[in-house]
C-alpha cells in the first residue's frame, strides 16, 4: 500500500507529465529507492520519506490543547537528518549510474486536526545538511572575544559525505489538486539536478551561492 507521500508525489508527476515508475525490491538489491522518474529529458532516482507523529509530537499536541502552550527540546534539523540517514543506503546503491539522486520529504504529522510543527522549514534543511550554526569565542582577560562563525556537528552532506545526494525536495500540498516542491540543492553534489526538473508554477529551487560555512540559514532562490 502506498503512503500518502508516495501517492502525492505520483500525482505530482502525473500533473507534470513525468514518467514515474515504482522501483521494485529484489533479492539482489534489497530495499531500493521508490521511484525512477523521467522528466524534461532527465532520468533521476527518487526516495520518498514522510514524517509521522512520534511520542513527543503527541505530548506536545496534548499540552497545547490542554494549556495553550508547549515546549520542544528536539535538536533543530533532527527529523530531516534521520530521514537522510535512512534514505542514504537506498540512494547510494545507484551512485554509479551518474544520474541525479533526490530525497523527497513530506510532513504527514497531523494531530487534533492541525500540524503543530515546522520540521521541514528552510533553515532546518540547512542545519540538517550542513550543520548547526556555531559562534566561537575566546576568553581574553575579563571579557569574551568573538573570533568567528562556523558549523557544528551531525552535518549530513559534506565535501566527502553523501556527495551522491543531489538535492532534498520538500513536498507540499495546498489541497489534493495542487502538490508542489521546494527543492534544496546539495552544494557538494557529484551529479547536479537540473533546474528544469520540478519546475511547475509553484515549485521553487534554492542553492547555496557560496560555501555553506559562510551562508548559515541562507538560501538563494533560482528564478527560472
C-alpha atoms as a PDB file:
ATOM      1  CA  UNK A   1       0.000   0.000   0.000  1.00  0.00           C
ATOM      2  CA  UNK A   2       1.292   3.454  -0.904  1.00  0.00           C
ATOM      3  CA  UNK A   3       1.969   6.046   1.773  1.00  0.00           C
ATOM      4  CA  UNK A   4       0.297   9.443   1.455  1.00  0.00           C
ATOM      5  CA  UNK A   5       3.617  10.964   0.386  1.00  0.00           C
ATOM      6  CA  UNK A   6       4.036   8.372  -2.384  1.00  0.00           C
ATOM      7  CA  UNK A   7       0.501   8.956  -3.622  1.00  0.00           C
ATOM      8  CA  UNK A   8       1.016  12.706  -3.622  1.00  0.00           C
ATOM      9  CA  UNK A   9       4.362  12.520  -5.415  1.00  0.00           C
ATOM     10  CA  UNK A  10       2.934  10.177  -8.052  1.00  0.00           C
ATOM     11  CA  UNK A  11       0.065  12.598  -8.587  1.00  0.00           C
ATOM     12  CA  UNK A  12       2.523  15.488  -8.885  1.00  0.00           C
ATOM     13  CA  UNK A  13       4.402  13.573 -11.607  1.00  0.00           C
ATOM     14  CA  UNK A  14       1.139  12.853 -13.380  1.00  0.00           C
ATOM     15  CA  UNK A  15       0.248  16.550 -13.396  1.00  0.00           C
ATOM     16  CA  UNK A  16       3.718  17.431 -14.699  1.00  0.00           C
ATOM     17  CA  UNK A  17       3.509  14.657 -17.318  1.00  0.00           C
ATOM     18  CA  UNK A  18       6.628  12.980 -15.940  1.00  0.00           C
ATOM     19  CA  UNK A  19       7.051   9.247 -16.407  1.00  0.00           C
ATOM     20  CA  UNK A  20       7.262   7.836 -12.897  1.00  0.00           C
ATOM     21  CA  UNK A  21       7.827   4.112 -12.254  1.00  0.00           C
ATOM     22  CA  UNK A  22       7.977   2.315  -8.932  1.00  0.00           C
ATOM     23  CA  UNK A  23      11.282   0.512  -8.384  1.00  0.00           C
ATOM     24  CA  UNK A  24      10.627  -2.984  -7.083  1.00  0.00           C
ATOM     25  CA  UNK A  25      12.776  -4.512  -4.360  1.00  0.00           C
ATOM     26  CA  UNK A  26      14.775  -7.564  -5.390  1.00  0.00           C
ATOM     27  CA  UNK A  27      16.923 -10.237  -3.707  1.00  0.00           C
ATOM     28  CA  UNK A  28      19.935  -8.754  -5.490  1.00  0.00           C
ATOM     29  CA  UNK A  29      19.472  -5.141  -4.407  1.00  0.00           C
ATOM     30  CA  UNK A  30      17.216  -5.482  -1.364  1.00  0.00           C
ATOM     31  CA  UNK A  31      15.343  -2.313  -0.422  1.00  0.00           C
ATOM     32  CA  UNK A  32      15.577   0.161  -3.287  1.00  0.00           C
ATOM     33  CA  UNK A  33      14.645   3.807  -3.865  1.00  0.00           C
ATOM     34  CA  UNK A  34      10.970   4.426  -4.504  1.00  0.00           C
ATOM     35  CA  UNK A  35      10.774   5.918  -7.979  1.00  0.00           C
ATOM     36  CA  UNK A  36      12.529   6.079 -11.322  1.00  0.00           C
ATOM     37  CA  UNK A  37      11.480   9.376 -12.901  1.00  0.00           C
ATOM     38  CA  UNK A  38      11.903  10.633 -16.459  1.00  0.00           C
ATOM     39  CA  UNK A  39      11.417  14.396 -16.552  1.00  0.00           C
ATOM     40  CA  UNK A  40      12.393  17.073 -19.061  1.00  0.00           C
ATOM     41  CA  UNK A  41      14.765  14.659 -20.802  1.00  0.00           C
ATOM     42  CA  UNK A  42      16.445  13.762 -17.494  1.00  0.00           C
ATOM     43  CA  UNK A  43      16.406  10.420 -15.685  1.00  0.00           C
ATOM     44  CA  UNK A  44      16.561  10.605 -11.899  1.00  0.00           C
ATOM     45  CA  UNK A  45      16.006   8.353  -8.912  1.00  0.00           C
ATOM     46  CA  UNK A  46      13.828   9.469  -6.019  1.00  0.00           C
ATOM     47  CA  UNK A  47      13.478   8.189  -2.470  1.00  0.00           C
ATOM     48  CA  UNK A  48      10.309   9.360  -0.707  1.00  0.00           C
ATOM     49  CA  UNK A  49      10.106   9.649   3.076  1.00  0.00           C
ATOM     50  CA  UNK A  50       7.363  11.107   5.234  1.00  0.00           C
ATOM     51  CA  UNK A  51       7.320  12.414   8.774  1.00  0.00           C
ATOM     52  CA  UNK A  52       4.762  10.792  11.054  1.00  0.00           C
ATOM     53  CA  UNK A  53       3.912  11.580  14.713  1.00  0.00           C
ATOM     54  CA  UNK A  54       6.193  10.277  17.448  1.00  0.00           C
ATOM     55  CA  UNK A  55       5.552  10.240  21.197  1.00  0.00           C
ATOM     56  CA  UNK A  56       6.955  13.728  21.699  1.00  0.00           C
ATOM     57  CA  UNK A  57       4.667  15.108  18.987  1.00  0.00           C
ATOM     58  CA  UNK A  58       1.693  13.560  20.782  1.00  0.00           C
ATOM     59  CA  UNK A  59       2.839  15.000  24.111  1.00  0.00           C
ATOM     60  CA  UNK A  60       3.149  18.480  22.626  1.00  0.00           C
ATOM     61  CA  UNK A  61      -0.255  18.266  20.961  1.00  0.00           C
ATOM     62  CA  UNK A  62      -1.863  17.215  24.253  1.00  0.00           C
ATOM     63  CA  UNK A  63      -0.132  20.033  26.172  1.00  0.00           C
ATOM     64  CA  UNK A  64      -1.096  22.560  23.509  1.00  0.00           C
ATOM     65  CA  UNK A  65      -4.735  21.506  23.682  1.00  0.00           C
ATOM     66  CA  UNK A  66      -4.774  21.424  27.481  1.00  0.00           C
ATOM     67  CA  UNK A  67      -2.811  24.543  28.411  1.00  0.00           C
ATOM     68  CA  UNK A  68      -2.346  26.517  25.201  1.00  0.00           C
ATOM     69  CA  UNK A  69       1.433  26.128  25.166  1.00  0.00           C
ATOM     70  CA  UNK A  70       4.142  23.503  24.875  1.00  0.00           C
ATOM     71  CA  UNK A  71       7.909  23.195  24.628  1.00  0.00           C
ATOM     72  CA  UNK A  72      10.086  21.031  22.410  1.00  0.00           C
ATOM     73  CA  UNK A  73      13.613  20.042  23.371  1.00  0.00           C
ATOM     74  CA  UNK A  74      14.360  18.484  19.985  1.00  0.00           C
ATOM     75  CA  UNK A  75      17.604  19.424  18.252  1.00  0.00           C
ATOM     76  CA  UNK A  76      16.946  21.625  15.194  1.00  0.00           C
ATOM     77  CA  UNK A  77      17.046  19.591  11.986  1.00  0.00           C
ATOM     78  CA  UNK A  78      16.944  16.218  13.742  1.00  0.00           C
ATOM     79  CA  UNK A  79      13.900  14.881  11.834  1.00  0.00           C
ATOM     80  CA  UNK A  80      15.431  15.652   8.454  1.00  0.00           C
ATOM     81  CA  UNK A  81      18.785  14.202   9.484  1.00  0.00           C
ATOM     82  CA  UNK A  82      17.081  10.945  10.475  1.00  0.00           C
ATOM     83  CA  UNK A  83      15.402  10.708   7.066  1.00  0.00           C
ATOM     84  CA  UNK A  84      18.657  11.423   5.238  1.00  0.00           C
ATOM     85  CA  UNK A  85      20.389   8.615   7.136  1.00  0.00           C
ATOM     86  CA  UNK A  86      17.557   6.171   6.397  1.00  0.00           C
ATOM     87  CA  UNK A  87      17.438   7.082   2.706  1.00  0.00           C
ATOM     88  CA  UNK A  88      21.201   7.020   2.191  1.00  0.00           C
ATOM     89  CA  UNK A  89      21.648   3.227   1.729  1.00  0.00           C
ATOM     90  CA  UNK A  90      18.916   3.074  -0.934  1.00  0.00           C
ATOM     91  CA  UNK A  91      20.265   6.010  -2.920  1.00  0.00           C
ATOM     92  CA  UNK A  92      23.934   5.076  -2.556  1.00  0.00           C
ATOM     93  CA  UNK A  93      23.335   1.827  -4.483  1.00  0.00           C
ATOM     94  CA  UNK A  94      22.707   3.912  -7.613  1.00  0.00           C
ATOM     95  CA  UNK A  95      25.700   6.208  -7.302  1.00  0.00           C
ATOM     96  CA  UNK A  96      27.476   4.611 -10.265  1.00  0.00           C
ATOM     97  CA  UNK A  97      24.509   5.375 -12.545  1.00  0.00           C
ATOM     98  CA  UNK A  98      25.625   9.026 -12.608  1.00  0.00           C
ATOM     99  CA  UNK A  99      22.070  10.345 -12.510  1.00  0.00           C
ATOM    100  CA  UNK A 100      20.559  12.821 -10.015  1.00  0.00           C
ATOM    101  CA  UNK A 101      19.542  11.167  -6.745  1.00  0.00           C
ATOM    102  CA  UNK A 102      16.854  13.063  -4.845  1.00  0.00           C
ATOM    103  CA  UNK A 103      15.293  12.672  -1.397  1.00  0.00           C
ATOM    104  CA  UNK A 104      11.671  13.861  -1.257  1.00  0.00           C
ATOM    105  CA  UNK A 105      10.256  14.624   2.211  1.00  0.00           C
ATOM    106  CA  UNK A 106       6.641  15.151   3.218  1.00  0.00           C
ATOM    107  CA  UNK A 107       5.281  16.228   6.608  1.00  0.00           C
ATOM    108  CA  UNK A 108       2.368  13.959   7.495  1.00  0.00           C
ATOM    109  CA  UNK A 109       2.253  14.856  11.187  1.00  0.00           C
ATOM    110  CA  UNK A 110      -1.373  15.720  11.846  1.00  0.00           C
ATOM    111  CA  UNK A 111      -2.646  15.752  15.421  1.00  0.00           C
ATOM    112  CA  UNK A 112      -6.012  17.060  16.580  1.00  0.00           C
ATOM    113  CA  UNK A 113      -6.714  18.375  13.109  1.00  0.00           C
ATOM    114  CA  UNK A 114      -3.614  20.538  12.797  1.00  0.00           C
ATOM    115  CA  UNK A 115       0.117  20.248  12.288  1.00  0.00           C
ATOM    116  CA  UNK A 116       1.884  21.567  15.430  1.00  0.00           C
ATOM    117  CA  UNK A 117       5.366  21.704  13.952  1.00  0.00           C
ATOM    118  CA  UNK A 118       7.654  23.127  11.289  1.00  0.00           C
ATOM    119  CA  UNK A 119      10.192  20.359  10.906  1.00  0.00           C
ATOM    120  CA  UNK A 120      10.807  20.982   7.191  1.00  0.00           C
ATOM    121  CA  UNK A 121      11.433  24.728   7.266  1.00  0.00           C
ATOM    122  CA  UNK A 122      14.308  26.078   5.081  1.00  0.00           C
ATOM    123  CA  UNK A 123      16.624  26.838   7.999  1.00  0.00           C
ATOM    124  CA  UNK A 124      16.167  23.288   9.310  1.00  0.00           C
ATOM    125  CA  UNK A 125      17.003  21.853   5.890  1.00  0.00           C
ATOM    126  CA  UNK A 126      20.153  23.970   6.082  1.00  0.00           C
ATOM    127  CA  UNK A 127      21.051  22.752   9.582  1.00  0.00           C
ATOM    128  CA  UNK A 128      20.407  19.110   8.701  1.00  0.00           C
ATOM    129  CA  UNK A 129      22.566  19.196   5.584  1.00  0.00           C
ATOM    130  CA  UNK A 130      25.415  21.442   6.681  1.00  0.00           C
ATOM    131  CA  UNK A 131      25.353  21.530  10.494  1.00  0.00           C
ATOM    132  CA  UNK A 132      24.137  23.901  13.172  1.00  0.00           C
ATOM    133  CA  UNK A 133      25.425  27.443  13.114  1.00  0.00           C
ATOM    134  CA  UNK A 134      28.120  27.993  15.744  1.00  0.00           C
ATOM    135  CA  UNK A 135      29.813  31.074  17.143  1.00  0.00           C
ATOM    136  CA  UNK A 136      33.363  30.813  18.525  1.00  0.00           C
ATOM    137  CA  UNK A 137      34.568  32.898  21.474  1.00  0.00           C
ATOM    138  CA  UNK A 138      37.786  33.030  23.467  1.00  0.00           C
ATOM    139  CA  UNK A 139      38.395  34.433  26.924  1.00  0.00           C
ATOM    140  CA  UNK A 140      40.761  37.404  26.915  1.00  0.00           C
ATOM    141  CA  UNK A 141      41.424  38.868  30.315  1.00  0.00           C
ATOM    142  CA  UNK A 142      37.977  39.665  31.712  1.00  0.00           C
ATOM    143  CA  UNK A 143      35.946  39.540  28.507  1.00  0.00           C
ATOM    144  CA  UNK A 144      34.827  37.150  25.805  1.00  0.00           C
ATOM    145  CA  UNK A 145      36.057  37.892  22.292  1.00  0.00           C
ATOM    146  CA  UNK A 146      34.184  36.662  19.233  1.00  0.00           C
ATOM    147  CA  UNK A 147      36.654  35.172  16.758  1.00  0.00           C
ATOM    148  CA  UNK A 148      34.424  33.666  14.108  1.00  0.00           C
ATOM    149  CA  UNK A 149      31.466  31.602  12.990  1.00  0.00           C
ATOM    150  CA  UNK A 150      31.265  28.037  11.762  1.00  0.00           C
ATOM    151  CA  UNK A 151      29.213  24.873  11.599  1.00  0.00           C
ATOM    152  CA  UNK A 152      28.585  22.288  14.263  1.00  0.00           C
ATOM    153  CA  UNK A 153      28.470  18.518  14.068  1.00  0.00           C
ATOM    154  CA  UNK A 154      25.944  15.981  12.785  1.00  0.00           C
ATOM    155  CA  UNK A 155      26.000  17.520   9.307  1.00  0.00           C
ATOM    156  CA  UNK A 156      24.796  15.066   6.683  1.00  0.00           C
ATOM    157  CA  UNK A 157      26.289  16.474   3.463  1.00  0.00           C
ATOM    158  CA  UNK A 158      29.955  17.477   3.265  1.00  0.00           C
ATOM    159  CA  UNK A 159      32.698  17.526   0.588  1.00  0.00           C
ATOM    160  CA  UNK A 160      33.323  13.833   1.379  1.00  0.00           C
ATOM    161  CA  UNK A 161      29.994  12.511   2.724  1.00  0.00           C
ATOM    162  CA  UNK A 162      26.798  11.819   0.763  1.00  0.00           C
ATOM    163  CA  UNK A 163      28.015  13.694  -2.278  1.00  0.00           C
ATOM    164  CA  UNK A 164      25.782  11.331  -4.288  1.00  0.00           C
ATOM    165  CA  UNK A 165      22.715  13.164  -2.883  1.00  0.00           C
ATOM    166  CA  UNK A 166      21.788  15.757  -5.489  1.00  0.00           C
ATOM    167  CA  UNK A 167      19.013  17.526  -3.614  1.00  0.00           C
ATOM    168  CA  UNK A 168      16.375  17.399  -0.916  1.00  0.00           C
ATOM    169  CA  UNK A 169      12.868  18.285  -2.101  1.00  0.00           C
ATOM    170  CA  UNK A 170      10.059  19.173   0.298  1.00  0.00           C
ATOM    171  CA  UNK A 171       6.625  18.098  -0.936  1.00  0.00           C
ATOM    172  CA  UNK A 172       3.684  20.369  -0.116  1.00  0.00           C
ATOM    173  CA  UNK A 173       0.004  20.484  -0.936  1.00  0.00           C
ATOM    174  CA  UNK A 174      -2.448  23.348  -0.641  1.00  0.00           C
ATOM    175  CA  UNK A 175      -5.158  20.861  -1.465  1.00  0.00           C
ATOM    176  CA  UNK A 176      -5.246  17.454  -3.121  1.00  0.00           C
ATOM    177  CA  UNK A 177      -5.207  19.059  -6.567  1.00  0.00           C
ATOM    178  CA  UNK A 178      -2.101  21.207  -6.245  1.00  0.00           C
ATOM    179  CA  UNK A 179       1.034  19.441  -4.938  1.00  0.00           C
ATOM    180  CA  UNK A 180       4.330  21.271  -5.388  1.00  0.00           C
ATOM    181  CA  UNK A 181       8.001  21.030  -4.390  1.00  0.00           C
ATOM    182  CA  UNK A 182      10.617  23.257  -2.800  1.00  0.00           C
ATOM    183  CA  UNK A 183      13.991  21.870  -3.921  1.00  0.00           C
ATOM    184  CA  UNK A 184      17.194  22.450  -1.921  1.00  0.00           C
ATOM    185  CA  UNK A 185      20.274  21.575  -3.970  1.00  0.00           C
ATOM    186  CA  UNK A 186      23.304  19.958  -2.348  1.00  0.00           C
ATOM    187  CA  UNK A 187      26.300  22.261  -2.722  1.00  0.00           C
ATOM    188  CA  UNK A 188      28.632  19.228  -2.751  1.00  0.00           C
ATOM    189  CA  UNK A 189      26.654  17.042  -5.173  1.00  0.00           C
ATOM    190  CA  UNK A 190      28.586  14.927  -7.670  1.00  0.00           C
ATOM    191  CA  UNK A 191      25.639  14.999 -10.093  1.00  0.00           C
ATOM    192  CA  UNK A 192      23.565  18.162 -10.127  1.00  0.00           C
ATOM    193  CA  UNK A 193      19.809  18.133 -10.523  1.00  0.00           C
ATOM    194  CA  UNK A 194      18.888  20.385 -13.484  1.00  0.00           C
ATOM    195  CA  UNK A 195      16.694  23.315 -12.504  1.00  0.00           C
ATOM    196  CA  UNK A 196      14.313  22.409 -15.328  1.00  0.00           C
ATOM    197  CA  UNK A 197      13.225  19.329 -13.371  1.00  0.00           C
ATOM    198  CA  UNK A 198      10.455  20.040 -10.849  1.00  0.00           C
ATOM    199  CA  UNK A 199       9.611  23.342 -12.498  1.00  0.00           C
ATOM    200  CA  UNK A 200       5.870  23.686 -12.014  1.00  0.00           C
ATOM    201  CA  UNK A 201       4.483  27.171 -11.478  1.00  0.00           C
ATOM    202  CA  UNK A 202       4.510  26.709  -7.667  1.00  0.00           C
ATOM    203  CA  UNK A 203       7.811  24.822  -7.496  1.00  0.00           C
ATOM    204  CA  UNK A 204      10.903  26.660  -6.233  1.00  0.00           C
ATOM    205  CA  UNK A 205      14.638  25.884  -6.375  1.00  0.00           C
ATOM    206  CA  UNK A 206      17.208  27.001  -3.800  1.00  0.00           C
ATOM    207  CA  UNK A 207      21.003  26.814  -3.793  1.00  0.00           C
ATOM    208  CA  UNK A 208      23.964  27.906  -1.722  1.00  0.00           C
ATOM    209  CA  UNK A 209      25.561  30.788  -3.620  1.00  0.00           C
ATOM    210  CA  UNK A 210      28.876  30.217  -1.816  1.00  0.00           C
ATOM    211  CA  UNK A 211      30.245  27.582   0.558  1.00  0.00           C
ATOM    212  CA  UNK A 212      27.639  26.585   3.197  1.00  0.00           C
ATOM    213  CA  UNK A 213      30.017  27.520   6.019  1.00  0.00           C
ATOM    214  CA  UNK A 214      29.582  31.158   5.008  1.00  0.00           C
ATOM    215  CA  UNK A 215      25.819  31.086   4.452  1.00  0.00           C
ATOM    216  CA  UNK A 216      24.136  29.607   7.551  1.00  0.00           C
ATOM    217  CA  UNK A 217      20.331  29.694   7.242  1.00  0.00           C
ATOM    218  CA  UNK A 218      20.625  31.390   3.834  1.00  0.00           C
ATOM    219  CA  UNK A 219      19.350  30.009   0.547  1.00  0.00           C
ATOM    220  CA  UNK A 220      19.418  31.730  -2.824  1.00  0.00           C
ATOM    221  CA  UNK A 221      16.370  31.124  -4.985  1.00  0.00           C
ATOM    222  CA  UNK A 222      16.922  30.308  -8.646  1.00  0.00           C
ATOM    223  CA  UNK A 223      14.436  32.175 -10.817  1.00  0.00           C
ATOM    224  CA  UNK A 224      13.640  30.069 -13.870  1.00  0.00           C
END
